[in-house]
């Protein structure tokens, strides 16, 4: 998430907003945001409904059930999906690609 924080000003300059969603609880999210000085909302999805809806919920990873991949979705002003990136939870998103998608 630090990769997003580093380019947050550039994202916002494109009139875009950032929301992070995790299957962790709101309390874990709050602690993570504070610890990492994140300046965008972290939303909790402990019931995994958003993860399932976005197709990033995995049945099992390393013996842990119902986890989610790291993903980035960029939607245009018309709510159409214009970019997506899905990777393992340890990878950082390619922010140059995200910024390019925002610029059209």
C-alpha atoms as a PDB file:
ATOM      1  CA  UNK A   1       0.000   0.000   0.000  1.00  0.00           C
ATOM      2  CA  UNK A   2       3.001   2.266   0.318  1.00  0.00           C
ATOM      3  CA  UNK A   3       3.282   2.275  -3.485  1.00  0.00           C
ATOM      4  CA  UNK A   4      -0.173   3.856  -3.668  1.00  0.00           C
ATOM      5  CA  UNK A   5       0.633   6.366  -0.939  1.00  0.00           C
ATOM      6  CA  UNK A   6       3.742   7.487  -2.835  1.00  0.00           C
ATOM      7  CA  UNK A   7       1.712   8.522  -5.900  1.00  0.00           C
ATOM      8  CA  UNK A   8      -1.502   9.549  -4.139  1.00  0.00           C
ATOM      9  CA  UNK A   9      -1.083  13.215  -5.133  1.00  0.00           C
ATOM     10  CA  UNK A  10      -0.700  12.217  -8.787  1.00  0.00           C
ATOM     11  CA  UNK A  11      -3.796  10.014  -8.590  1.00  0.00           C
ATOM     12  CA  UNK A  12      -5.839  12.782  -7.000  1.00  0.00           C
ATOM     13  CA  UNK A  13      -4.575  15.253  -9.619  1.00  0.00           C
ATOM     14  CA  UNK A  14      -6.441  13.093 -12.149  1.00  0.00           C
ATOM     15  CA  UNK A  15      -9.679  13.657 -10.155  1.00  0.00           C
ATOM     16  CA  UNK A  16      -9.521  10.051  -9.008  1.00  0.00           C
ATOM     17  CA  UNK A  17     -10.084   8.598  -5.560  1.00  0.00           C
ATOM     18  CA  UNK A  18      -8.405   5.680  -3.836  1.00  0.00           C
ATOM     19  CA  UNK A  19     -10.173   3.150  -1.637  1.00  0.00           C
ATOM     20  CA  UNK A  20      -8.462   0.079  -0.262  1.00  0.00           C
ATOM     21  CA  UNK A  21     -10.515  -2.945   0.736  1.00  0.00           C
ATOM     22  CA  UNK A  22      -9.226  -5.812   2.845  1.00  0.00           C
ATOM     23  CA  UNK A  23     -10.762  -8.898   4.398  1.00  0.00           C
ATOM     24  CA  UNK A  24      -9.259  -7.767   7.704  1.00  0.00           C
ATOM     25  CA  UNK A  25     -11.441  -6.208  10.393  1.00  0.00           C
ATOM     26  CA  UNK A  26     -11.945  -2.460  10.719  1.00  0.00           C
ATOM     27  CA  UNK A  27      -9.689  -2.491  13.772  1.00  0.00           C
ATOM     28  CA  UNK A  28      -6.834  -4.132  11.873  1.00  0.00           C
ATOM     29  CA  UNK A  29      -7.413  -1.694   8.996  1.00  0.00           C
ATOM     30  CA  UNK A  30      -7.298   1.301  11.316  1.00  0.00           C
ATOM     31  CA  UNK A  31      -4.058   0.137  12.931  1.00  0.00           C
ATOM     32  CA  UNK A  32      -2.494  -0.569   9.525  1.00  0.00           C
ATOM     33  CA  UNK A  33      -3.492   2.859   8.176  1.00  0.00           C
ATOM     34  CA  UNK A  34      -2.090   4.596  11.247  1.00  0.00           C
ATOM     35  CA  UNK A  35       1.139   2.580  11.261  1.00  0.00           C
ATOM     36  CA  UNK A  36       1.743   3.312   7.568  1.00  0.00           C
ATOM     37  CA  UNK A  37       0.436   6.920   7.598  1.00  0.00           C
ATOM     38  CA  UNK A  38      -2.007   6.187   4.789  1.00  0.00           C
ATOM     39  CA  UNK A  39      -4.056   9.153   3.617  1.00  0.00           C
ATOM     40  CA  UNK A  40      -6.842   7.235   1.888  1.00  0.00           C
ATOM     41  CA  UNK A  41      -9.706   5.128   3.265  1.00  0.00           C
ATOM     42  CA  UNK A  42      -9.213   1.475   4.101  1.00  0.00           C
ATOM     43  CA  UNK A  43     -12.480  -0.420   4.053  1.00  0.00           C
ATOM     44  CA  UNK A  44     -13.052  -3.667   5.944  1.00  0.00           C
ATOM     45  CA  UNK A  45     -14.564  -6.687   4.193  1.00  0.00           C
ATOM     46  CA  UNK A  46     -14.523  -9.356   6.924  1.00  0.00           C
ATOM     47  CA  UNK A  47     -17.500 -11.175   5.350  1.00  0.00           C
ATOM     48  CA  UNK A  48     -15.552 -11.265   2.077  1.00  0.00           C
ATOM     49  CA  UNK A  49     -18.495 -10.016   0.016  1.00  0.00           C
ATOM     50  CA  UNK A  50     -16.495  -7.365  -1.861  1.00  0.00           C
ATOM     51  CA  UNK A  51     -13.594  -9.773  -2.456  1.00  0.00           C
ATOM     52  CA  UNK A  52     -15.999 -12.318  -3.928  1.00  0.00           C
ATOM     53  CA  UNK A  53     -17.781  -9.688  -6.040  1.00  0.00           C
ATOM     54  CA  UNK A  54     -14.473  -8.475  -7.503  1.00  0.00           C
ATOM     55  CA  UNK A  55     -13.312 -12.041  -8.161  1.00  0.00           C
ATOM     56  CA  UNK A  56     -10.236 -11.888  -5.926  1.00  0.00           C
ATOM     57  CA  UNK A  57     -11.324 -14.323  -3.202  1.00  0.00           C
ATOM     58  CA  UNK A  58      -9.186 -17.444  -3.179  1.00  0.00           C
ATOM     59  CA  UNK A  59     -10.432 -20.659  -1.572  1.00  0.00           C
ATOM     60  CA  UNK A  60      -7.052 -21.447   0.003  1.00  0.00           C
ATOM     61  CA  UNK A  61      -3.511 -20.115   0.095  1.00  0.00           C
ATOM     62  CA  UNK A  62      -0.821 -21.910   2.119  1.00  0.00           C
ATOM     63  CA  UNK A  63      -3.461 -23.662   4.204  1.00  0.00           C
ATOM     64  CA  UNK A  64      -5.371 -20.459   4.995  1.00  0.00           C
ATOM     65  CA  UNK A  65      -8.959 -20.454   3.786  1.00  0.00           C
ATOM     66  CA  UNK A  66     -10.811 -17.646   2.010  1.00  0.00           C
ATOM     67  CA  UNK A  67      -8.051 -15.103   1.501  1.00  0.00           C
ATOM     68  CA  UNK A  68      -7.858 -12.449  -1.151  1.00  0.00           C
ATOM     69  CA  UNK A  69      -5.305 -11.546  -3.771  1.00  0.00           C
ATOM     70  CA  UNK A  70      -3.908  -8.057  -3.993  1.00  0.00           C
ATOM     71  CA  UNK A  71      -5.655  -6.196  -6.784  1.00  0.00           C
ATOM     72  CA  UNK A  72      -6.061  -2.774  -8.318  1.00  0.00           C
ATOM     73  CA  UNK A  73      -9.175  -1.771 -10.223  1.00  0.00           C
ATOM     74  CA  UNK A  74      -9.413   1.553 -12.016  1.00  0.00           C
ATOM     75  CA  UNK A  75     -12.844   2.721 -13.092  1.00  0.00           C
ATOM     76  CA  UNK A  76     -13.459   5.571 -15.495  1.00  0.00           C
ATOM     77  CA  UNK A  77     -15.858   8.465 -14.937  1.00  0.00           C
ATOM     78  CA  UNK A  78     -18.597   6.351 -16.544  1.00  0.00           C
ATOM     79  CA  UNK A  79     -17.976   3.556 -13.957  1.00  0.00           C
ATOM     80  CA  UNK A  80     -16.497   1.324 -16.671  1.00  0.00           C
ATOM     81  CA  UNK A  81     -13.489  -0.807 -15.698  1.00  0.00           C
ATOM     82  CA  UNK A  82     -10.476   0.589 -17.551  1.00  0.00           C
ATOM     83  CA  UNK A  83      -7.603  -1.223 -15.805  1.00  0.00           C
ATOM     84  CA  UNK A  84      -7.102  -4.163 -13.489  1.00  0.00           C
ATOM     85  CA  UNK A  85      -4.097  -5.808 -11.887  1.00  0.00           C
ATOM     86  CA  UNK A  86      -4.195  -9.029  -9.834  1.00  0.00           C
ATOM     87  CA  UNK A  87      -1.204 -10.536  -8.056  1.00  0.00           C
ATOM     88  CA  UNK A  88      -0.086 -12.315  -4.925  1.00  0.00           C
ATOM     89  CA  UNK A  89      -0.566 -10.407  -1.683  1.00  0.00           C
ATOM     90  CA  UNK A  90       3.185  -9.760  -1.417  1.00  0.00           C
ATOM     91  CA  UNK A  91       3.495  -7.908  -4.756  1.00  0.00           C
ATOM     92  CA  UNK A  92       3.216  -4.133  -5.109  1.00  0.00           C
ATOM     93  CA  UNK A  93       1.034  -2.752  -7.892  1.00  0.00           C
ATOM     94  CA  UNK A  94       2.778  -1.153 -10.900  1.00  0.00           C
ATOM     95  CA  UNK A  95       1.810   2.423 -10.169  1.00  0.00           C
ATOM     96  CA  UNK A  96       3.160   3.707 -13.507  1.00  0.00           C
ATOM     97  CA  UNK A  97       0.549   1.539 -15.234  1.00  0.00           C
ATOM     98  CA  UNK A  98      -2.190   2.735 -12.872  1.00  0.00           C
ATOM     99  CA  UNK A  99      -1.283   6.371 -13.540  1.00  0.00           C
ATOM    100  CA  UNK A 100      -1.205   5.724 -17.290  1.00  0.00           C
ATOM    101  CA  UNK A 101      -4.693   4.190 -17.120  1.00  0.00           C
ATOM    102  CA  UNK A 102      -5.960   7.260 -15.287  1.00  0.00           C
ATOM    103  CA  UNK A 103      -4.504   9.562 -17.904  1.00  0.00           C
ATOM    104  CA  UNK A 104      -6.305   7.626 -20.624  1.00  0.00           C
END
